Amino acid sequence: VGLIKLAGFHREETLKLLPFDEQQLGRKVYYLLLLTERYFSVYTHCATSLDTTIAPPQPENVTDPRLSLDSFLEMIRVFTVPGKCFFDALATDSANVTCTEDSLKKIWRELHTVPLEIEPWSYGYVDISFSRHWIRTLAWKLVLQISGMRISFLSNSKNTHIPVEIARDMLEDTFLIPKNLYAVHGPGISVKALEIADALVDVVNQYDQNAESEAWNFLFDISKFVFSLKHCDSTLVDKFTTKCQCALITLPLSNPLESTDGSKEDVDALP
C-alpha cells in the first residue's frame, strides 16, 4: 500500500501518463489491494488508507469467460458501495460521523442481489454472494452501535429479522453451489459465514420469540456448513462456539419443563 502511494498510483493524473495496458494493470493492482485492505481492516482493527480516488479497470473483450473482469468489477462494487467510512467505523469500533443513515440504507438496497450478468454458481459468484451477505450483516451490527440511528433505520420488529433474512439468502445460495467452489477462496468464506451466524446469536440473545425459532434453525444450518469447509479460522471458530455456549446458558426457558404423565422415566429422558 505504501509503495502504491509512493508511486502515485492512487492518483488519476499519474495513471493517465501510462499506456492503456499499464493503466489497466495499475488499476487492477490498486483495487485488489483496496479490497484486501477493507476485508482485513474489520478483523485487524486498523483504519484503511486506500479510497476510490481512481477509476476501476475497464471491461475487456476476451474469448475465454474465465478471463473476464465482470466478477472482479462486481467485487469492487460490493466493497466500494459501503464507502471507506464504513470499514473505518468497523475497524475502530466507533461510529464515524460520515457513516450516515442514508449510506447504510444504500448498502442494504444495492447489495441485496447479485447482478444477472454474473454467471451463477461460478467461482466469482461464490465470493460476490458471500461478500454481500457479510457486508449487509456488518451494516446491521454497525447500525446498532450508532446512537439514535437504531430507531429510525431499524423500526420495531424489523431489527431482529434482518440477520434472519440475510441467513436465509445465504443458505439458499449454499444449497445450489457445488462444494468444490469453496476451496479456492480459503478461509474467507467461513469467516463471512461465521459473521452471519454470530449475528443470529445476537438475535437469540434479544429473546425475540417471533424470530428466535427461525434464528436457531438457520444458526444450526450455517454452523453445519462452516464446519464442513476445509478452510476455517480456528480462532474465530473458538470465539463463535464460546458465544453460542454463553447464549445457551443465559437463554431463559419460556415454560418450565414438566413430564406429561408425571412419571420419573419421562423426566429422566429430558435432555
C-alpha atoms as a PDB file:
ATOM      1  CA  VAL A   1       0.000   0.000   0.000  1.00  0.00           C
ATOM      2  CA  GLY A   2       2.837   2.367   0.855  1.00  0.00           C
ATOM      3  CA  LEU A   3       4.569   1.698  -2.467  1.00  0.00           C
ATOM      4  CA  ILE A   4       1.325   2.332  -4.366  1.00  0.00           C
ATOM      5  CA  LYS A   5       1.017   5.754  -2.773  1.00  0.00           C
ATOM      6  CA  LEU A   6       4.723   6.485  -3.150  1.00  0.00           C
ATOM      7  CA  ALA A   7       4.463   5.748  -6.877  1.00  0.00           C
ATOM      8  CA  GLY A   8       1.368   7.944  -7.101  1.00  0.00           C
ATOM      9  CA  PHE A   9      -0.869   5.151  -8.417  1.00  0.00           C
ATOM     10  CA  HIS A  10      -3.695   6.404  -6.208  1.00  0.00           C
ATOM     11  CA  ARG A  11      -3.986   9.497  -8.451  1.00  0.00           C
ATOM     12  CA  GLU A  12      -5.616   9.593 -11.887  1.00  0.00           C
ATOM     13  CA  GLU A  13      -3.074  12.078 -13.209  1.00  0.00           C
ATOM     14  CA  THR A  14      -0.297   9.519 -12.665  1.00  0.00           C
ATOM     15  CA  LEU A  15      -2.110   6.677 -14.407  1.00  0.00           C
ATOM     16  CA  LYS A  16      -3.143   8.787 -17.397  1.00  0.00           C
ATOM     17  CA  LEU A  17       0.521   9.238 -18.313  1.00  0.00           C
ATOM     18  CA  LEU A  18       0.862   5.479 -18.872  1.00  0.00           C
ATOM     19  CA  PRO A  19      -0.093   3.342 -21.904  1.00  0.00           C
ATOM     20  CA  PHE A  20      -3.544   1.774 -21.653  1.00  0.00           C
ATOM     21  CA  ASP A  21      -2.282  -1.736 -20.797  1.00  0.00           C
ATOM     22  CA  GLU A  22      -0.165  -0.386 -17.948  1.00  0.00           C
ATOM     23  CA  GLN A  23      -3.073   1.740 -16.761  1.00  0.00           C
ATOM     24  CA  GLN A  24      -5.263  -1.356 -16.661  1.00  0.00           C
ATOM     25  CA  LEU A  25      -2.657  -3.297 -14.703  1.00  0.00           C
ATOM     26  CA  GLY A  26      -2.197  -0.430 -12.256  1.00  0.00           C
ATOM     27  CA  ARG A  27      -5.953  -0.160 -11.679  1.00  0.00           C
ATOM     28  CA  LYS A  28      -6.288  -3.921 -11.154  1.00  0.00           C
ATOM     29  CA  VAL A  29      -3.476  -3.981  -8.590  1.00  0.00           C
ATOM     30  CA  TYR A  30      -4.805  -0.891  -6.810  1.00  0.00           C
ATOM     31  CA  TYR A  31      -8.333  -2.243  -6.405  1.00  0.00           C
ATOM     32  CA  LEU A  32      -7.105  -5.707  -5.441  1.00  0.00           C
ATOM     33  CA  LEU A  33      -5.185  -4.047  -2.601  1.00  0.00           C
ATOM     34  CA  LEU A  34      -8.210  -1.909  -1.705  1.00  0.00           C
ATOM     35  CA  LEU A  35     -10.471  -4.978  -1.422  1.00  0.00           C
ATOM     36  CA  THR A  36      -7.887  -6.850   0.643  1.00  0.00           C
ATOM     37  CA  GLU A  37      -7.284  -3.894   2.962  1.00  0.00           C
ATOM     38  CA  ARG A  38     -11.004  -3.358   3.593  1.00  0.00           C
ATOM     39  CA  TYR A  39     -11.590  -7.030   4.341  1.00  0.00           C
ATOM     40  CA  PHE A  40      -8.724  -7.338   6.823  1.00  0.00           C
ATOM     41  CA  SER A  41      -9.416  -3.964   8.460  1.00  0.00           C
ATOM     42  CA  VAL A  42     -12.532  -5.430  10.088  1.00  0.00           C
ATOM     43  CA  TYR A  43     -10.532  -8.114  11.917  1.00  0.00           C
ATOM     44  CA  THR A  44      -7.176  -6.381  12.416  1.00  0.00           C
ATOM     45  CA  HIS A  45      -8.900  -3.211  13.697  1.00  0.00           C
ATOM     46  CA  CYS A  46      -6.765  -0.940  11.527  1.00  0.00           C
ATOM     47  CA  ALA A  47      -8.237   2.005   9.641  1.00  0.00           C
ATOM     48  CA  THR A  48      -7.959   1.846   5.853  1.00  0.00           C
ATOM     49  CA  SER A  49      -5.725   4.113   3.791  1.00  0.00           C
ATOM     50  CA  LEU A  50      -6.931   3.497   0.218  1.00  0.00           C
ATOM     51  CA  ASP A  51     -10.063   5.047  -1.244  1.00  0.00           C
ATOM     52  CA  THR A  52     -11.807   5.204  -4.619  1.00  0.00           C
ATOM     53  CA  THR A  53      -9.560   8.006  -5.856  1.00  0.00           C
ATOM     54  CA  ILE A  54      -9.050   6.374  -9.262  1.00  0.00           C
ATOM     55  CA  ALA A  55     -11.452   4.717 -11.669  1.00  0.00           C
ATOM     56  CA  PRO A  56     -11.615   0.909 -11.666  1.00  0.00           C
ATOM     57  CA  PRO A  57     -10.235  -1.049 -14.637  1.00  0.00           C
ATOM     58  CA  GLN A  58     -12.319  -1.083 -17.794  1.00  0.00           C
ATOM     59  CA  PRO A  59     -14.077  -4.252 -19.033  1.00  0.00           C
ATOM     60  CA  GLU A  60     -12.018  -6.242 -21.516  1.00  0.00           C
ATOM     61  CA  ASN A  61     -13.080  -8.230 -24.574  1.00  0.00           C
ATOM     62  CA  VAL A  62     -11.955 -11.826 -24.005  1.00  0.00           C
ATOM     63  CA  THR A  63     -12.814 -15.109 -25.706  1.00  0.00           C
ATOM     64  CA  ASP A  64     -12.384 -17.158 -22.524  1.00  0.00           C
ATOM     65  CA  PRO A  65     -15.102 -16.250 -19.967  1.00  0.00           C
ATOM     66  CA  ARG A  66     -12.741 -17.276 -17.162  1.00  0.00           C
ATOM     67  CA  LEU A  67     -10.590 -14.251 -18.028  1.00  0.00           C
ATOM     68  CA  SER A  68     -13.499 -11.824 -17.879  1.00  0.00           C
ATOM     69  CA  LEU A  69     -13.294  -8.926 -15.426  1.00  0.00           C
ATOM     70  CA  ASP A  70     -17.042  -8.997 -14.726  1.00  0.00           C
ATOM     71  CA  SER A  71     -16.690 -10.774 -11.379  1.00  0.00           C
ATOM     72  CA  PHE A  72     -13.762  -8.600 -10.283  1.00  0.00           C
ATOM     73  CA  LEU A  73     -15.614  -5.411 -11.203  1.00  0.00           C
ATOM     74  CA  GLU A  74     -18.646  -6.601  -9.250  1.00  0.00           C
ATOM     75  CA  MET A  75     -16.436  -7.343  -6.225  1.00  0.00           C
ATOM     76  CA  ILE A  76     -15.114  -3.790  -6.497  1.00  0.00           C
ATOM     77  CA  ARG A  77     -18.694  -2.524  -6.455  1.00  0.00           C
ATOM     78  CA  VAL A  78     -19.595  -4.680  -3.438  1.00  0.00           C
ATOM     79  CA  PHE A  79     -16.650  -3.340  -1.422  1.00  0.00           C
ATOM     80  CA  THR A  80     -16.997   0.291  -2.514  1.00  0.00           C
ATOM     81  CA  VAL A  81     -20.755   0.752  -2.107  1.00  0.00           C
ATOM     82  CA  PRO A  82     -20.266   0.971   1.709  1.00  0.00           C
ATOM     83  CA  GLY A  83     -17.515   3.589   1.412  1.00  0.00           C
ATOM     84  CA  LYS A  84     -14.233   3.970   3.301  1.00  0.00           C
ATOM     85  CA  CYS A  85     -16.021   5.397   6.359  1.00  0.00           C
ATOM     86  CA  PHE A  86     -17.953   2.152   6.822  1.00  0.00           C
ATOM     87  CA  PHE A  87     -14.853  -0.016   7.136  1.00  0.00           C
ATOM     88  CA  ASP A  88     -13.052   2.562   9.274  1.00  0.00           C
ATOM     89  CA  ALA A  89     -16.008   2.641  11.677  1.00  0.00           C
ATOM     90  CA  LEU A  90     -15.926  -1.148  11.949  1.00  0.00           C
ATOM     91  CA  ALA A  91     -12.145  -1.205  12.363  1.00  0.00           C
ATOM     92  CA  THR A  92     -12.171   1.320  15.186  1.00  0.00           C
ATOM     93  CA  ASP A  93     -15.403   0.096  16.824  1.00  0.00           C
ATOM     94  CA  SER A  94     -16.771   3.606  16.686  1.00  0.00           C
ATOM     95  CA  ALA A  95     -19.456   5.394  14.723  1.00  0.00           C
ATOM     96  CA  ASN A  96     -17.846   7.537  12.050  1.00  0.00           C
ATOM     97  CA  VAL A  97     -19.831  10.750  11.618  1.00  0.00           C
ATOM     98  CA  THR A  98     -19.691  10.354   7.840  1.00  0.00           C
ATOM     99  CA  CYS A  99     -21.441   6.974   8.110  1.00  0.00           C
ATOM    100  CA  THR A 100     -24.947   8.320   7.732  1.00  0.00           C
ATOM    101  CA  GLU A 101     -28.274   6.556   7.798  1.00  0.00           C
ATOM    102  CA  ASP A 102     -28.584   7.048   4.033  1.00  0.00           C
ATOM    103  CA  SER A 103     -25.204   5.399   3.394  1.00  0.00           C
ATOM    104  CA  LEU A 104     -26.244   2.341   5.406  1.00  0.00           C
ATOM    105  CA  LYS A 105     -29.604   2.171   3.635  1.00  0.00           C
ATOM    106  CA  LYS A 106     -27.678   2.231   0.352  1.00  0.00           C
ATOM    107  CA  ILE A 107     -25.776  -0.889   1.431  1.00  0.00           C
ATOM    108  CA  TRP A 108     -28.994  -2.737   2.154  1.00  0.00           C
ATOM    109  CA  ARG A 109     -30.611  -1.609  -1.108  1.00  0.00           C
ATOM    110  CA  GLU A 110     -27.720  -2.085  -3.566  1.00  0.00           C
ATOM    111  CA  LEU A 111     -26.220  -5.291  -2.158  1.00  0.00           C
ATOM    112  CA  HIS A 112     -29.475  -7.193  -1.944  1.00  0.00           C
ATOM    113  CA  THR A 113     -28.895  -9.282  -5.085  1.00  0.00           C
ATOM    114  CA  VAL A 114     -26.144 -10.342  -7.481  1.00  0.00           C
ATOM    115  CA  PRO A 115     -26.389  -8.781 -10.985  1.00  0.00           C
ATOM    116  CA  LEU A 116     -27.740 -11.062 -13.691  1.00  0.00           C
ATOM    117  CA  GLU A 117     -24.605 -10.715 -15.837  1.00  0.00           C
ATOM    118  CA  ILE A 118     -22.540 -12.634 -13.257  1.00  0.00           C
ATOM    119  CA  GLU A 119     -22.542 -16.322 -14.203  1.00  0.00           C
ATOM    120  CA  PRO A 120     -24.463 -18.213 -11.488  1.00  0.00           C
ATOM    121  CA  TRP A 121     -22.509 -20.649  -9.339  1.00  0.00           C
ATOM    122  CA  SER A 122     -19.140 -19.635 -10.816  1.00  0.00           C
ATOM    123  CA  TYR A 123     -16.034 -19.052  -8.672  1.00  0.00           C
ATOM    124  CA  GLY A 124     -16.650 -15.319  -8.852  1.00  0.00           C
ATOM    125  CA  TYR A 125     -20.313 -15.692  -7.956  1.00  0.00           C
ATOM    126  CA  VAL A 126     -19.424 -17.507  -4.727  1.00  0.00           C
ATOM    127  CA  ASP A 127     -17.149 -14.723  -3.490  1.00  0.00           C
ATOM    128  CA  ILE A 128     -19.562 -11.979  -4.538  1.00  0.00           C
ATOM    129  CA  SER A 129     -22.520 -13.688  -2.895  1.00  0.00           C
ATOM    130  CA  PHE A 130     -20.837 -14.269   0.468  1.00  0.00           C
ATOM    131  CA  SER A 131     -19.246 -10.819   0.455  1.00  0.00           C
ATOM    132  CA  ARG A 132     -22.564  -9.027   0.052  1.00  0.00           C
ATOM    133  CA  HIS A 133     -24.183 -11.144   2.805  1.00  0.00           C
ATOM    134  CA  TRP A 134     -21.185 -10.374   5.024  1.00  0.00           C
ATOM    135  CA  ILE A 135     -21.276  -6.619   4.416  1.00  0.00           C
ATOM    136  CA  ARG A 136     -25.038  -6.416   4.977  1.00  0.00           C
ATOM    137  CA  THR A 137     -24.550  -8.212   8.296  1.00  0.00           C
ATOM    138  CA  LEU A 138     -21.757  -5.830   9.293  1.00  0.00           C
ATOM    139  CA  ALA A 139     -24.035  -2.910   8.393  1.00  0.00           C
ATOM    140  CA  TRP A 140     -26.725  -4.295  10.714  1.00  0.00           C
ATOM    141  CA  LYS A 141     -24.195  -4.542  13.546  1.00  0.00           C
ATOM    142  CA  LEU A 142     -22.902  -1.031  12.879  1.00  0.00           C
ATOM    143  CA  VAL A 143     -26.402   0.443  12.967  1.00  0.00           C
ATOM    144  CA  LEU A 144     -26.843  -0.943  16.475  1.00  0.00           C
ATOM    145  CA  GLN A 145     -23.664   0.879  17.555  1.00  0.00           C
ATOM    146  CA  ILE A 146     -24.715   4.286  16.254  1.00  0.00           C
ATOM    147  CA  SER A 147     -26.667   6.264  18.810  1.00  0.00           C
ATOM    148  CA  GLY A 148     -30.068   7.423  17.582  1.00  0.00           C
ATOM    149  CA  MET A 149     -29.956   5.527  14.290  1.00  0.00           C
ATOM    150  CA  ARG A 150     -31.421   2.275  15.547  1.00  0.00           C
ATOM    151  CA  ILE A 151     -34.899   3.735  15.979  1.00  0.00           C
ATOM    152  CA  SER A 152     -35.143   5.363  12.563  1.00  0.00           C
ATOM    153  CA  PHE A 153     -33.318   2.794  10.433  1.00  0.00           C
ATOM    154  CA  LEU A 154     -34.415  -0.393  12.151  1.00  0.00           C
ATOM    155  CA  SER A 155     -38.047   0.090  13.006  1.00  0.00           C
ATOM    156  CA  ASN A 156     -39.608  -2.025  15.716  1.00  0.00           C
ATOM    157  CA  SER A 157     -39.580  -5.756  14.951  1.00  0.00           C
ATOM    158  CA  LYS A 158     -37.511  -5.381  11.776  1.00  0.00           C
ATOM    159  CA  ASN A 159     -34.359  -5.192  13.883  1.00  0.00           C
ATOM    160  CA  THR A 160     -34.073  -8.898  14.687  1.00  0.00           C
ATOM    161  CA  HIS A 161     -35.446 -10.081  11.355  1.00  0.00           C
ATOM    162  CA  ILE A 162     -32.647  -8.579   9.251  1.00  0.00           C
ATOM    163  CA  PRO A 163     -29.976 -11.183  10.204  1.00  0.00           C
ATOM    164  CA  VAL A 164     -32.571 -13.923   9.741  1.00  0.00           C
ATOM    165  CA  GLU A 165     -33.313 -12.665   6.232  1.00  0.00           C
ATOM    166  CA  ILE A 166     -29.595 -12.489   5.401  1.00  0.00           C
ATOM    167  CA  ALA A 167     -29.068 -16.020   6.726  1.00  0.00           C
ATOM    168  CA  ARG A 168     -31.957 -17.287   4.614  1.00  0.00           C
ATOM    169  CA  ASP A 169     -30.454 -15.703   1.487  1.00  0.00           C
ATOM    170  CA  MET A 170     -27.032 -17.186   2.248  1.00  0.00           C
ATOM    171  CA  LEU A 171     -28.379 -20.686   2.820  1.00  0.00           C
ATOM    172  CA  GLU A 172     -30.330 -20.532  -0.447  1.00  0.00           C
ATOM    173  CA  ASP A 173     -27.040 -19.807  -2.211  1.00  0.00           C
ATOM    174  CA  THR A 174     -25.143 -22.619  -0.459  1.00  0.00           C
ATOM    175  CA  PHE A 175     -27.868 -25.110  -1.335  1.00  0.00           C
ATOM    176  CA  LEU A 176     -27.147 -24.710  -5.053  1.00  0.00           C
ATOM    177  CA  ILE A 177     -23.387 -24.006  -5.072  1.00  0.00           C
ATOM    178  CA  PRO A 178     -21.138 -27.078  -5.642  1.00  0.00           C
ATOM    179  CA  LYS A 179     -18.848 -27.768  -2.667  1.00  0.00           C
ATOM    180  CA  ASN A 180     -15.684 -27.725  -4.799  1.00  0.00           C
ATOM    181  CA  LEU A 181     -16.112 -23.994  -5.498  1.00  0.00           C
ATOM    182  CA  TYR A 182     -15.437 -23.039  -1.871  1.00  0.00           C
ATOM    183  CA  ALA A 183     -11.894 -24.430  -1.617  1.00  0.00           C
ATOM    184  CA  VAL A 184     -10.257 -21.785  -3.826  1.00  0.00           C
ATOM    185  CA  HIS A 185     -11.406 -18.980  -1.518  1.00  0.00           C
ATOM    186  CA  GLY A 186      -9.526 -20.232   1.550  1.00  0.00           C
ATOM    187  CA  PRO A 187     -10.852 -19.232   4.987  1.00  0.00           C
ATOM    188  CA  GLY A 188     -12.631 -16.130   3.647  1.00  0.00           C
ATOM    189  CA  ILE A 189     -15.912 -17.963   3.048  1.00  0.00           C
ATOM    190  CA  SER A 190     -16.023 -19.424   6.566  1.00  0.00           C
ATOM    191  CA  VAL A 191     -15.158 -16.041   8.115  1.00  0.00           C
ATOM    192  CA  LYS A 192     -18.042 -14.345   6.309  1.00  0.00           C
ATOM    193  CA  ALA A 193     -20.457 -17.165   7.144  1.00  0.00           C
ATOM    194  CA  LEU A 194     -19.430 -17.038  10.816  1.00  0.00           C
ATOM    195  CA  GLU A 195     -20.165 -13.304  10.886  1.00  0.00           C
ATOM    196  CA  ILE A 196     -23.723 -14.046   9.797  1.00  0.00           C
ATOM    197  CA  ALA A 197     -24.039 -16.845  12.351  1.00  0.00           C
ATOM    198  CA  ASP A 198     -22.683 -14.510  15.033  1.00  0.00           C
ATOM    199  CA  ALA A 199     -25.469 -12.030  14.249  1.00  0.00           C
ATOM    200  CA  LEU A 200     -28.025 -14.819  14.667  1.00  0.00           C
ATOM    201  CA  VAL A 201     -26.678 -15.467  18.167  1.00  0.00           C
ATOM    202  CA  ASP A 202     -27.265 -11.771  18.879  1.00  0.00           C
ATOM    203  CA  VAL A 203     -30.858 -12.202  17.716  1.00  0.00           C
ATOM    204  CA  VAL A 204     -31.330 -15.161  20.058  1.00  0.00           C
ATOM    205  CA  ASN A 205     -29.865 -13.133  22.932  1.00  0.00           C
ATOM    206  CA  GLN A 206     -32.546 -10.468  22.399  1.00  0.00           C
ATOM    207  CA  TYR A 207     -35.217 -13.039  23.298  1.00  0.00           C
ATOM    208  CA  ASP A 208     -37.440 -12.158  20.371  1.00  0.00           C
ATOM    209  CA  GLN A 209     -39.818 -15.110  20.317  1.00  0.00           C
ATOM    210  CA  ASN A 210     -41.012 -14.233  16.813  1.00  0.00           C
ATOM    211  CA  ALA A 211     -37.507 -14.567  15.357  1.00  0.00           C
ATOM    212  CA  GLU A 212     -35.862 -16.890  17.876  1.00  0.00           C
ATOM    213  CA  SER A 213     -37.003 -20.241  16.488  1.00  0.00           C
ATOM    214  CA  GLU A 214     -36.086 -19.387  12.904  1.00  0.00           C
ATOM    215  CA  ALA A 215     -32.773 -17.904  14.042  1.00  0.00           C
ATOM    216  CA  TRP A 216     -31.837 -21.119  15.859  1.00  0.00           C
ATOM    217  CA  ASN A 217     -32.694 -23.221  12.802  1.00  0.00           C
ATOM    218  CA  PHE A 218     -30.578 -21.070  10.499  1.00  0.00           C
ATOM    219  CA  LEU A 219     -27.796 -20.937  13.091  1.00  0.00           C
ATOM    220  CA  PHE A 220     -27.649 -24.732  13.110  1.00  0.00           C
ATOM    221  CA  ASP A 221     -27.566 -24.925   9.293  1.00  0.00           C
ATOM    222  CA  ILE A 222     -24.868 -22.258   8.929  1.00  0.00           C
ATOM    223  CA  SER A 223     -22.732 -23.860  11.649  1.00  0.00           C
ATOM    224  CA  LYS A 224     -23.004 -27.210   9.892  1.00  0.00           C
ATOM    225  CA  PHE A 225     -21.972 -25.541   6.631  1.00  0.00           C
ATOM    226  CA  VAL A 226     -18.945 -23.796   8.202  1.00  0.00           C
ATOM    227  CA  PHE A 227     -17.680 -26.975   9.860  1.00  0.00           C
ATOM    228  CA  SER A 228     -17.968 -28.816   6.540  1.00  0.00           C
ATOM    229  CA  LEU A 229     -15.449 -26.467   4.891  1.00  0.00           C
ATOM    230  CA  LYS A 230     -11.794 -27.450   4.581  1.00  0.00           C
ATOM    231  CA  HIS A 231     -10.517 -23.975   5.463  1.00  0.00           C
ATOM    232  CA  CYS A 232     -11.624 -22.378   8.729  1.00  0.00           C
ATOM    233  CA  ASP A 233     -10.100 -19.774  11.036  1.00  0.00           C
ATOM    234  CA  SER A 234      -9.765 -21.744  14.287  1.00  0.00           C
ATOM    235  CA  THR A 235      -9.583 -18.589  16.425  1.00  0.00           C
ATOM    236  CA  LEU A 236     -12.871 -17.242  15.054  1.00  0.00           C
ATOM    237  CA  VAL A 237     -14.488 -20.676  15.357  1.00  0.00           C
ATOM    238  CA  ASP A 238     -13.476 -20.871  19.034  1.00  0.00           C
ATOM    239  CA  LYS A 239     -14.878 -17.388  19.716  1.00  0.00           C
ATOM    240  CA  PHE A 240     -18.100 -18.297  17.937  1.00  0.00           C
ATOM    241  CA  THR A 241     -18.615 -21.569  19.835  1.00  0.00           C
ATOM    242  CA  THR A 242     -17.967 -19.778  23.136  1.00  0.00           C
ATOM    243  CA  LYS A 243     -20.581 -17.156  22.237  1.00  0.00           C
ATOM    244  CA  CYS A 244     -23.083 -19.898  21.373  1.00  0.00           C
ATOM    245  CA  GLN A 245     -22.452 -21.617  24.703  1.00  0.00           C
ATOM    246  CA  CYS A 246     -22.996 -18.351  26.581  1.00  0.00           C
ATOM    247  CA  ALA A 247     -26.245 -17.774  24.675  1.00  0.00           C
ATOM    248  CA  LEU A 248     -27.500 -21.223  25.629  1.00  0.00           C
ATOM    249  CA  ILE A 249     -26.614 -20.685  29.294  1.00  0.00           C
ATOM    250  CA  THR A 250     -28.277 -17.270  29.569  1.00  0.00           C
ATOM    251  CA  LEU A 251     -31.340 -18.076  27.455  1.00  0.00           C
ATOM    252  CA  PRO A 252     -34.427 -18.121  29.709  1.00  0.00           C
ATOM    253  CA  LEU A 253     -36.837 -21.015  29.497  1.00  0.00           C
ATOM    254  CA  SER A 254     -40.225 -19.882  28.221  1.00  0.00           C
ATOM    255  CA  ASN A 255     -42.023 -22.716  30.049  1.00  0.00           C
ATOM    256  CA  PRO A 256     -40.959 -24.959  32.947  1.00  0.00           C
ATOM    257  CA  LEU A 257     -40.047 -28.491  31.948  1.00  0.00           C
ATOM    258  CA  GLU A 258     -42.795 -30.869  33.021  1.00  0.00           C
ATOM    259  CA  SER A 259     -43.419 -34.515  32.307  1.00  0.00           C
ATOM    260  CA  THR A 260     -46.695 -35.250  30.576  1.00  0.00           C
ATOM    261  CA  ASP A 261     -47.768 -38.016  32.937  1.00  0.00           C
ATOM    262  CA  GLY A 262     -45.669 -37.246  35.994  1.00  0.00           C
ATOM    263  CA  SER A 263     -43.540 -40.372  35.633  1.00  0.00           C
ATOM    264  CA  LYS A 264     -39.877 -40.315  36.658  1.00  0.00           C
ATOM    265  CA  GLU A 265     -38.918 -42.089  33.444  1.00  0.00           C
ATOM    266  CA  ASP A 266     -40.115 -39.159  31.334  1.00  0.00           C
ATOM    267  CA  VAL A 267     -38.249 -36.648  33.493  1.00  0.00           C
ATOM    268  CA  ASP A 268     -35.043 -38.665  33.240  1.00  0.00           C
ATOM    269  CA  ALA A 269     -35.422 -38.773  29.464  1.00  0.00           C
ATOM    270  CA  LEU A 270     -35.290 -34.995  29.172  1.00  0.00           C
ATOM    271  CA  PRO A 271     -32.002 -33.741  27.658  1.00  0.00           C
END
